[in-house]
Amino acid sequence: MAVSAAAVDDARTIAGDIRMHADQAEWLEVPTGDSGHLTTLVAPTDPTMRSADTITVTMTRFIVDWGVDVNDGLDDAFEDMRRLPGWTEHRVERFPITATTEGGTVQAGTYMDELRGWVYAVTKIVLYQRGNVVYLLRCTGSTTSESAGHRESLARSVRFVHLDD
């Protein structure tokens, strides 16, 4: 059971560094303001695309009771995206507990957005536990590009994101 939960909006308060691999020639970091995101990357808009590609990184810090199996928190990780209009799933992965994480997920697919049209989205969620502190790292990328190569490049960037401590 979580005793408390809070969004992390200052990377200096994290026990480690969030690592990303996004080509600087393709992505620009923009101010996050009050969005609740730690990082927001935007691709320069291609005139043929309906909107800009984005990658956002968010983190939530939980204080949990001793003995809580935080990996159970991933059981519903796929439900949010499955509720999107017209959702078609392309990939779903669940990662086991490792020496550095309490498990993770990756989900990718397409959905219909009223303003943007068909959107390809990929989300990675990873849990990190240090004592009774749990960090939930979430990275989501989206594009309106229909290029398989472009979508795979976006998915690779999202899947690479991790906490390095």
Foldseek 3Di string as FASTA:
>chain_A
DFPDKDKDQEQVPDPFHKDFDDPPVFWDWDDCPPVSFNTKIWGPDDVVALDIKIKTKIKMKTQADPPDLCLVVCVCVPVVQVPAAPWDWDDKDKAPDDPFFNIKIKTWTWHQDPRRGIKIKMKIWTWGDDGRMIMIMMMMIMGRDPDPVVSVSRNVRRVVIDGDD
